[in-house]
Amino acid sequence: MFTKKSLILAFWLLLLPGIATASEPDWSSYQAVLSHVKPGIKNGVSLMLVDYDTIKSNGSLDKAYRELSAFKPEQLAGPEEKLAFYINAYNILALKMAADHWPTKSIKDAGSFFSPVWDKPAGELGGKTVTLGEVEHKILRPMGEPRIHLAIVCASVSCPDLRSEPYTAAKLNAQLDDQAQKFLDNPGKGLKVEKDSIKISKIFDWFEEDFEVYGGVRAFLTRYKTDLPEFKIKTQIPYDWAVNSSK
């Protein structure tokens, strides 16, 4: 039975910094942005297309970014919360980068050969200005989960698709598995079996070492494509950097 003294102590402990239960952000504003992402076809590839005109003009993306930048990442606890947060953060920042330079034919046009877009300031996280490259290579990749590469979306046709929901710690593993399955089931993006070879996304070439935790790229692929033939794997699906826009 709780005493008056124990209840008062519990109340004050909840007020102490670092003692309160860790929590994820409220992603409802980001969910509002994702309501303007719809399936379609661009350049012959099936994908989820973003209505940049609307998310830029109605203020939904700006609101999602403001809430993201105001959130304190130190509140997160455990790898699932952190992974889900930074995947969402990357995707919001990539949307923002494309929207900030809208209209654009490619997110890469926000940068140049000598100063790529991935090294440009994309926004603030935890009070610090970050680039898309920093979020991907210095925060997400060191977490050791290669499925991130099928979840983070660089606003391009050949990127994995944006989900219709934010990532959350409770559903993260199922969400990442679903992302991998959908990406590999899309012959225009992830994997295509031809007469005597298997063509896969260049993502598996660029980040080949990350998939070693699953036993290598082929072992990772067969987790989701159990009937994969023993053909030679080639990373030859052309990577289309056209912006993933509905217009």
C-alpha atoms as a PDB file:
ATOM      1  CA  MET A   1       0.000   0.000   0.000  1.00  0.00           C
ATOM      2  CA  PHE A   2       1.327   3.430  -0.956  1.00  0.00           C
ATOM      3  CA  THR A   3       1.918   5.905   1.850  1.00  0.00           C
ATOM      4  CA  LYS A   4       1.610   9.646   1.488  1.00  0.00           C
ATOM      5  CA  LYS A   5       5.388   9.921   1.802  1.00  0.00           C
ATOM      6  CA  SER A   6       6.073   7.374  -0.969  1.00  0.00           C
ATOM      7  CA  LEU A   7       3.629   9.079  -3.323  1.00  0.00           C
ATOM      8  CA  ILE A   8       5.297  12.460  -2.783  1.00  0.00           C
ATOM      9  CA  LEU A   9       8.726  10.898  -3.404  1.00  0.00           C
ATOM     10  CA  ALA A  10       7.518   9.266  -6.626  1.00  0.00           C
ATOM     11  CA  PHE A  11       6.102  12.601  -7.792  1.00  0.00           C
ATOM     12  CA  TRP A  12       9.386  14.430  -7.279  1.00  0.00           C
ATOM     13  CA  LEU A  13      11.406  11.652  -8.918  1.00  0.00           C
ATOM     14  CA  LEU A  14       9.341  12.074 -12.074  1.00  0.00           C
ATOM     15  CA  LEU A  15      10.288  15.738 -12.150  1.00  0.00           C
ATOM     16  CA  LEU A  16      14.027  15.098 -11.969  1.00  0.00           C
ATOM     17  CA  PRO A  17      15.905  15.310 -15.305  1.00  0.00           C
ATOM     18  CA  GLY A  18      16.637  11.905 -16.768  1.00  0.00           C
ATOM     19  CA  ILE A  19      14.304  10.100 -14.354  1.00  0.00           C
ATOM     20  CA  ALA A  20      11.076  10.393 -16.335  1.00  0.00           C
ATOM     21  CA  THR A  21      10.183   7.505 -18.588  1.00  0.00           C
ATOM     22  CA  ALA A  22      11.758   7.821 -22.009  1.00  0.00           C
ATOM     23  CA  SER A  23       9.353   8.490 -24.828  1.00  0.00           C
ATOM     24  CA  GLU A  24       9.234   8.879 -28.565  1.00  0.00           C
ATOM     25  CA  PRO A  25       7.954  12.020 -30.273  1.00  0.00           C
ATOM     26  CA  ASP A  26       4.320  12.450 -31.198  1.00  0.00           C
ATOM     27  CA  TRP A  27       4.536  11.781 -34.936  1.00  0.00           C
ATOM     28  CA  SER A  28       1.003  12.985 -35.771  1.00  0.00           C
ATOM     29  CA  SER A  29       2.294  15.987 -37.740  1.00  0.00           C
ATOM     30  CA  TYR A  30       4.578  13.736 -39.770  1.00  0.00           C
ATOM     31  CA  GLN A  31       1.622  11.405 -40.323  1.00  0.00           C
ATOM     32  CA  ALA A  32      -0.235  14.382 -41.796  1.00  0.00           C
ATOM     33  CA  VAL A  33       2.628  14.834 -44.273  1.00  0.00           C
ATOM     34  CA  LEU A  34       2.537  11.145 -45.203  1.00  0.00           C
ATOM     35  CA  SER A  35      -1.167  11.440 -46.044  1.00  0.00           C
ATOM     36  CA  HIS A  36       0.025  13.251 -49.182  1.00  0.00           C
ATOM     37  CA  VAL A  37       2.155  10.310 -50.317  1.00  0.00           C
ATOM     38  CA  LYS A  38       0.308   8.071 -52.776  1.00  0.00           C
ATOM     39  CA  PRO A  39       1.177   5.100 -55.024  1.00  0.00           C
ATOM     40  CA  GLY A  40       1.881   5.828 -58.672  1.00  0.00           C
ATOM     41  CA  ILE A  41       4.307   5.313 -61.537  1.00  0.00           C
ATOM     42  CA  LYS A  42       7.164   7.564 -62.611  1.00  0.00           C
ATOM     43  CA  ASN A  43       9.690   6.867 -65.346  1.00  0.00           C
ATOM     44  CA  GLY A  44       8.257   3.369 -65.605  1.00  0.00           C
ATOM     45  CA  VAL A  45       8.828   2.560 -61.918  1.00  0.00           C
ATOM     46  CA  SER A  46       6.091   1.866 -59.374  1.00  0.00           C
ATOM     47  CA  LEU A  47       6.619   3.900 -56.227  1.00  0.00           C
ATOM     48  CA  MET A  48       5.075   6.100 -53.558  1.00  0.00           C
ATOM     49  CA  LEU A  49       4.859   9.628 -54.938  1.00  0.00           C
ATOM     50  CA  VAL A  50       4.997  12.793 -52.840  1.00  0.00           C
ATOM     51  CA  ASP A  51       2.763  15.799 -53.434  1.00  0.00           C
ATOM     52  CA  TYR A  52       5.427  18.409 -52.689  1.00  0.00           C
ATOM     53  CA  ASP A  53       3.216  21.299 -53.793  1.00  0.00           C
ATOM     54  CA  THR A  54       0.704  20.477 -51.063  1.00  0.00           C
ATOM     55  CA  ILE A  55       3.045  19.621 -48.178  1.00  0.00           C
ATOM     56  CA  LYS A  56       4.963  22.820 -48.885  1.00  0.00           C
ATOM     57  CA  SER A  57       1.942  25.111 -49.264  1.00  0.00           C
ATOM     58  CA  ASN A  58      -0.246  23.751 -46.447  1.00  0.00           C
ATOM     59  CA  GLY A  59       2.495  24.006 -43.830  1.00  0.00           C
ATOM     60  CA  SER A  60       2.332  20.325 -42.819  1.00  0.00           C
ATOM     61  CA  LEU A  61       5.981  19.614 -43.598  1.00  0.00           C
ATOM     62  CA  ASP A  62       7.143  22.776 -41.858  1.00  0.00           C
ATOM     63  CA  LYS A  63       5.161  21.794 -38.751  1.00  0.00           C
ATOM     64  CA  ALA A  64       6.570  18.257 -38.765  1.00  0.00           C
ATOM     65  CA  TYR A  65      10.097  19.639 -39.078  1.00  0.00           C
ATOM     66  CA  ARG A  66       9.617  22.209 -36.286  1.00  0.00           C
ATOM     67  CA  GLU A  67       8.430  19.490 -33.913  1.00  0.00           C
ATOM     68  CA  LEU A  68      11.282  17.200 -34.958  1.00  0.00           C
ATOM     69  CA  SER A  69      13.919  19.873 -34.381  1.00  0.00           C
ATOM     70  CA  ALA A  70      12.429  20.799 -30.994  1.00  0.00           C
ATOM     71  CA  PHE A  71      12.498  17.203 -29.716  1.00  0.00           C
ATOM     72  CA  LYS A  72      15.384  16.235 -27.424  1.00  0.00           C
ATOM     73  CA  PRO A  73      16.908  12.930 -28.598  1.00  0.00           C
ATOM     74  CA  GLU A  74      18.343  12.281 -25.130  1.00  0.00           C
ATOM     75  CA  GLN A  75      14.811  11.360 -24.067  1.00  0.00           C
ATOM     76  CA  LEU A  76      15.066   8.233 -26.218  1.00  0.00           C
ATOM     77  CA  ALA A  77      16.005   4.954 -24.576  1.00  0.00           C
ATOM     78  CA  GLY A  78      17.019   1.732 -26.229  1.00  0.00           C
ATOM     79  CA  PRO A  79      18.087   0.991 -29.803  1.00  0.00           C
ATOM     80  CA  GLU A  80      14.555   0.647 -31.182  1.00  0.00           C
ATOM     81  CA  GLU A  81      13.476   4.122 -30.103  1.00  0.00           C
ATOM     82  CA  LYS A  82      16.681   5.661 -31.397  1.00  0.00           C
ATOM     83  CA  LEU A  83      16.598   3.802 -34.699  1.00  0.00           C
ATOM     84  CA  ALA A  84      12.950   4.662 -35.362  1.00  0.00           C
ATOM     85  CA  PHE A  85      13.543   8.305 -34.462  1.00  0.00           C
ATOM     86  CA  TYR A  86      16.532   8.793 -36.741  1.00  0.00           C
ATOM     87  CA  ILE A  87      14.924   6.964 -39.681  1.00  0.00           C
ATOM     88  CA  ASN A  88      11.951   9.324 -39.419  1.00  0.00           C
ATOM     89  CA  ALA A  89      14.311  12.244 -38.947  1.00  0.00           C
ATOM     90  CA  TYR A  90      16.259  11.400 -42.096  1.00  0.00           C
ATOM     91  CA  ASN A  91      13.082  11.080 -44.137  1.00  0.00           C
ATOM     92  CA  ILE A  92      11.655  14.365 -42.863  1.00  0.00           C
ATOM     93  CA  LEU A  93      14.939  16.166 -43.558  1.00  0.00           C
ATOM     94  CA  ALA A  94      15.128  14.688 -47.073  1.00  0.00           C
ATOM     95  CA  LEU A  95      11.562  15.826 -47.760  1.00  0.00           C
ATOM     96  CA  LYS A  96      12.492  19.260 -46.415  1.00  0.00           C
ATOM     97  CA  MET A  97      15.588  19.434 -48.634  1.00  0.00           C
ATOM     98  CA  ALA A  98      13.530  18.676 -51.729  1.00  0.00           C
ATOM     99  CA  ALA A  99      10.743  21.053 -50.675  1.00  0.00           C
ATOM    100  CA  ASP A 100      13.194  23.870 -49.879  1.00  0.00           C
ATOM    101  CA  HIS A 101      14.444  23.684 -53.474  1.00  0.00           C
ATOM    102  CA  TRP A 102      11.055  23.043 -55.028  1.00  0.00           C
ATOM    103  CA  PRO A 103      10.425  22.803 -57.909  1.00  0.00           C
ATOM    104  CA  THR A 104      13.397  20.565 -58.636  1.00  0.00           C
ATOM    105  CA  LYS A 105      14.088  17.638 -60.930  1.00  0.00           C
ATOM    106  CA  SER A 106      16.344  15.907 -58.406  1.00  0.00           C
ATOM    107  CA  ILE A 107      17.366  16.352 -54.796  1.00  0.00           C
ATOM    108  CA  LYS A 108      20.948  16.213 -56.049  1.00  0.00           C
ATOM    109  CA  ASP A 109      20.384  19.565 -57.749  1.00  0.00           C
ATOM    110  CA  ALA A 110      20.477  21.151 -54.282  1.00  0.00           C
ATOM    111  CA  GLY A 111      24.188  20.397 -54.315  1.00  0.00           C
ATOM    112  CA  SER A 112      26.967  20.107 -56.849  1.00  0.00           C
ATOM    113  CA  PHE A 113      29.769  17.741 -57.868  1.00  0.00           C
ATOM    114  CA  PHE A 114      32.191  19.427 -55.481  1.00  0.00           C
ATOM    115  CA  SER A 115      29.604  20.059 -52.750  1.00  0.00           C
ATOM    116  CA  PRO A 116      27.029  17.208 -52.781  1.00  0.00           C
ATOM    117  CA  VAL A 117      23.575  17.690 -51.307  1.00  0.00           C
ATOM    118  CA  TRP A 118      24.378  15.018 -48.692  1.00  0.00           C
ATOM    119  CA  ASP A 119      26.945  17.404 -47.172  1.00  0.00           C
ATOM    120  CA  LYS A 120      24.657  20.439 -47.145  1.00  0.00           C
ATOM    121  CA  PRO A 121      22.953  21.564 -43.900  1.00  0.00           C
ATOM    122  CA  ALA A 122      19.565  19.823 -43.872  1.00  0.00           C
ATOM    123  CA  GLY A 123      18.147  21.046 -40.557  1.00  0.00           C
ATOM    124  CA  GLU A 124      18.555  20.802 -36.805  1.00  0.00           C
ATOM    125  CA  LEU A 125      18.377  17.767 -34.542  1.00  0.00           C
ATOM    126  CA  GLY A 126      18.896  18.119 -30.824  1.00  0.00           C
ATOM    127  CA  GLY A 127      20.010  21.728 -31.213  1.00  0.00           C
ATOM    128  CA  LYS A 128      22.711  20.849 -33.764  1.00  0.00           C
ATOM    129  CA  THR A 129      22.719  21.496 -37.491  1.00  0.00           C
ATOM    130  CA  VAL A 130      23.118  18.214 -39.377  1.00  0.00           C
ATOM    131  CA  THR A 131      23.464  16.993 -42.937  1.00  0.00           C
ATOM    132  CA  LEU A 132      21.733  14.005 -44.482  1.00  0.00           C
ATOM    133  CA  GLY A 133      25.133  12.357 -44.761  1.00  0.00           C
ATOM    134  CA  GLU A 134      25.779  12.763 -41.041  1.00  0.00           C
ATOM    135  CA  VAL A 135      22.436  11.244 -40.071  1.00  0.00           C
ATOM    136  CA  GLU A 136      23.006   8.274 -42.375  1.00  0.00           C
ATOM    137  CA  HIS A 137      26.703   7.564 -41.902  1.00  0.00           C
ATOM    138  CA  LYS A 138      27.477   8.830 -38.399  1.00  0.00           C
ATOM    139  CA  ILE A 139      24.236   8.000 -36.582  1.00  0.00           C
ATOM    140  CA  LEU A 140      22.216   5.326 -38.376  1.00  0.00           C
ATOM    141  CA  ARG A 141      24.835   3.041 -39.935  1.00  0.00           C
ATOM    142  CA  PRO A 142      26.846   2.615 -36.705  1.00  0.00           C
ATOM    143  CA  MET A 143      23.711   1.141 -35.109  1.00  0.00           C
ATOM    144  CA  GLY A 144      24.410  -1.999 -37.120  1.00  0.00           C
ATOM    145  CA  GLU A 145      20.989  -2.481 -38.751  1.00  0.00           C
ATOM    146  CA  PRO A 146      21.378  -2.668 -42.558  1.00  0.00           C
ATOM    147  CA  ARG A 147      17.623  -2.644 -43.126  1.00  0.00           C
ATOM    148  CA  ILE A 148      17.855   1.123 -42.621  1.00  0.00           C
ATOM    149  CA  HIS A 149      19.000   1.299 -46.244  1.00  0.00           C
ATOM    150  CA  LEU A 150      15.548   0.080 -47.275  1.00  0.00           C
ATOM    151  CA  ALA A 151      13.802   2.554 -44.973  1.00  0.00           C
ATOM    152  CA  ILE A 152      15.566   5.893 -45.412  1.00  0.00           C
ATOM    153  CA  VAL A 153      14.334   7.738 -48.479  1.00  0.00           C
ATOM    154  CA  CYS A 154      16.489  10.249 -50.342  1.00  0.00           C
ATOM    155  CA  ALA A 155      13.530  11.734 -52.242  1.00  0.00           C
ATOM    156  CA  SER A 156      14.342   9.857 -55.447  1.00  0.00           C
ATOM    157  CA  VAL A 157      12.562   7.379 -57.716  1.00  0.00           C
ATOM    158  CA  SER A 158      14.985   4.504 -57.077  1.00  0.00           C
ATOM    159  CA  CYS A 159      15.066   5.004 -53.322  1.00  0.00           C
ATOM    160  CA  PRO A 160      12.970   2.740 -51.102  1.00  0.00           C
ATOM    161  CA  ASP A 161       9.413   3.985 -50.742  1.00  0.00           C
ATOM    162  CA  LEU A 162       8.175   6.227 -47.964  1.00  0.00           C
ATOM    163  CA  ARG A 163       5.850   4.282 -45.679  1.00  0.00           C
ATOM    164  CA  SER A 164       2.335   5.506 -45.066  1.00  0.00           C
ATOM    165  CA  GLU A 165       3.133   5.630 -41.343  1.00  0.00           C
ATOM    166  CA  PRO A 166       6.026   6.808 -39.157  1.00  0.00           C
ATOM    167  CA  TYR A 167       8.436   4.255 -37.727  1.00  0.00           C
ATOM    168  CA  THR A 168       7.948   3.475 -34.041  1.00  0.00           C
ATOM    169  CA  ALA A 169       9.900   1.357 -31.570  1.00  0.00           C
ATOM    170  CA  ALA A 170       7.004  -1.026 -30.926  1.00  0.00           C
ATOM    171  CA  LYS A 171       6.565  -1.900 -34.601  1.00  0.00           C
ATOM    172  CA  LEU A 172      10.086  -1.285 -35.881  1.00  0.00           C
ATOM    173  CA  ASN A 173      11.188  -4.843 -36.648  1.00  0.00           C
ATOM    174  CA  ALA A 174       7.968  -5.647 -38.525  1.00  0.00           C
ATOM    175  CA  GLN A 175       8.135  -2.317 -40.370  1.00  0.00           C
ATOM    176  CA  LEU A 176      11.728  -2.902 -41.479  1.00  0.00           C
ATOM    177  CA  ASP A 177      10.919  -6.432 -42.623  1.00  0.00           C
ATOM    178  CA  ASP A 178       7.959  -5.110 -44.582  1.00  0.00           C
ATOM    179  CA  GLN A 179      10.122  -2.417 -46.165  1.00  0.00           C
ATOM    180  CA  ALA A 180      12.699  -5.004 -47.230  1.00  0.00           C
ATOM    181  CA  GLN A 181      10.039  -7.294 -48.666  1.00  0.00           C
ATOM    182  CA  LYS A 182       8.331  -4.532 -50.639  1.00  0.00           C
ATOM    183  CA  PHE A 183      11.618  -3.174 -51.974  1.00  0.00           C
ATOM    184  CA  LEU A 184      12.797  -6.586 -53.163  1.00  0.00           C
ATOM    185  CA  ASP A 185       9.381  -7.374 -54.650  1.00  0.00           C
ATOM    186  CA  ASN A 186       9.631  -4.277 -56.856  1.00  0.00           C
ATOM    187  CA  PRO A 187      11.560  -5.219 -60.032  1.00  0.00           C
ATOM    188  CA  GLY A 188      11.992  -1.556 -60.909  1.00  0.00           C
ATOM    189  CA  LYS A 189      13.777  -0.787 -57.670  1.00  0.00           C
ATOM    190  CA  GLY A 190      15.061  -3.721 -55.661  1.00  0.00           C
ATOM    191  CA  LEU A 191      15.440  -7.053 -57.415  1.00  0.00           C
ATOM    192  CA  LYS A 192      14.775  -8.428 -60.876  1.00  0.00           C
ATOM    193  CA  VAL A 193      15.370 -12.029 -61.977  1.00  0.00           C
ATOM    194  CA  GLU A 194      16.318 -12.354 -65.624  1.00  0.00           C
ATOM    195  CA  LYS A 195      17.185 -15.321 -67.837  1.00  0.00           C
ATOM    196  CA  ASP A 196      20.531 -16.141 -66.251  1.00  0.00           C
ATOM    197  CA  SER A 197      21.206 -13.372 -63.725  1.00  0.00           C
ATOM    198  CA  ILE A 198      19.747 -11.448 -60.832  1.00  0.00           C
ATOM    199  CA  LYS A 199      19.802  -7.677 -60.986  1.00  0.00           C
ATOM    200  CA  ILE A 200      19.605  -5.777 -57.721  1.00  0.00           C
ATOM    201  CA  SER A 201      19.662  -2.183 -56.533  1.00  0.00           C
ATOM    202  CA  LYS A 202      22.977  -0.383 -56.356  1.00  0.00           C
ATOM    203  CA  ILE A 203      22.181   0.157 -52.673  1.00  0.00           C
ATOM    204  CA  PHE A 204      23.475  -3.375 -52.055  1.00  0.00           C
ATOM    205  CA  ASP A 205      26.728  -2.476 -53.777  1.00  0.00           C
ATOM    206  CA  TRP A 206      27.198   0.872 -52.063  1.00  0.00           C
ATOM    207  CA  PHE A 207      26.582  -0.604 -48.594  1.00  0.00           C
ATOM    208  CA  GLU A 208      27.648  -4.211 -49.165  1.00  0.00           C
ATOM    209  CA  GLU A 209      29.717  -4.356 -45.975  1.00  0.00           C
ATOM    210  CA  ASP A 210      26.707  -3.421 -43.826  1.00  0.00           C
ATOM    211  CA  PHE A 211      24.890  -6.612 -44.863  1.00  0.00           C
ATOM    212  CA  GLU A 212      27.664  -8.835 -43.503  1.00  0.00           C
ATOM    213  CA  VAL A 213      25.746  -9.036 -40.215  1.00  0.00           C
ATOM    214  CA  TYR A 214      23.201 -11.124 -42.158  1.00  0.00           C
ATOM    215  CA  GLY A 215      25.898 -13.237 -43.803  1.00  0.00           C
ATOM    216  CA  GLY A 216      26.272 -11.051 -46.871  1.00  0.00           C
ATOM    217  CA  VAL A 217      23.997  -9.639 -49.543  1.00  0.00           C
ATOM    218  CA  ARG A 218      22.838 -12.979 -50.991  1.00  0.00           C
ATOM    219  CA  ALA A 219      21.992 -14.314 -47.535  1.00  0.00           C
ATOM    220  CA  PHE A 220      20.029 -11.153 -46.833  1.00  0.00           C
ATOM    221  CA  LEU A 221      18.146 -11.426 -50.121  1.00  0.00           C
ATOM    222  CA  THR A 222      17.141 -15.038 -49.514  1.00  0.00           C
ATOM    223  CA  ARG A 223      15.541 -14.069 -46.199  1.00  0.00           C
ATOM    224  CA  TYR A 224      12.851 -12.360 -48.252  1.00  0.00           C
ATOM    225  CA  LYS A 225      13.123 -14.176 -51.596  1.00  0.00           C
ATOM    226  CA  THR A 226      13.265 -17.815 -50.539  1.00  0.00           C
ATOM    227  CA  ASP A 227      12.962 -19.102 -54.113  1.00  0.00           C
ATOM    228  CA  LEU A 228      15.868 -17.034 -55.417  1.00  0.00           C
ATOM    229  CA  PRO A 229      17.706 -19.015 -58.131  1.00  0.00           C
ATOM    230  CA  GLU A 230      21.443 -19.620 -57.921  1.00  0.00           C
ATOM    231  CA  PHE A 231      22.186 -17.090 -60.630  1.00  0.00           C
ATOM    232  CA  LYS A 232      24.992 -14.585 -60.561  1.00  0.00           C
ATOM    233  CA  ILE A 233      23.999 -11.383 -58.787  1.00  0.00           C
ATOM    234  CA  LYS A 234      24.634  -8.132 -60.603  1.00  0.00           C
ATOM    235  CA  THR A 235      23.992  -4.661 -59.222  1.00  0.00           C
ATOM    236  CA  GLN A 236      22.695  -3.293 -62.491  1.00  0.00           C
ATOM    237  CA  ILE A 237      19.234  -1.866 -61.912  1.00  0.00           C
ATOM    238  CA  PRO A 238      19.745   1.734 -63.086  1.00  0.00           C
ATOM    239  CA  TYR A 239      19.463   4.219 -60.216  1.00  0.00           C
ATOM    240  CA  ASP A 240      17.016   6.970 -61.089  1.00  0.00           C
ATOM    241  CA  TRP A 241      17.702  10.164 -59.133  1.00  0.00           C
ATOM    242  CA  ALA A 242      14.589  11.939 -60.402  1.00  0.00           C
ATOM    243  CA  VAL A 243      12.646  13.425 -57.498  1.00  0.00           C
ATOM    244  CA  ASN A 244       9.870  11.172 -56.146  1.00  0.00           C
ATOM    245  CA  SER A 245       7.200  13.765 -56.871  1.00  0.00           C
ATOM    246  CA  SER A 246       3.662  13.302 -58.102  1.00  0.00           C
ATOM    247  CA  LYS A 247       4.269  16.032 -60.707  1.00  0.00           C
END
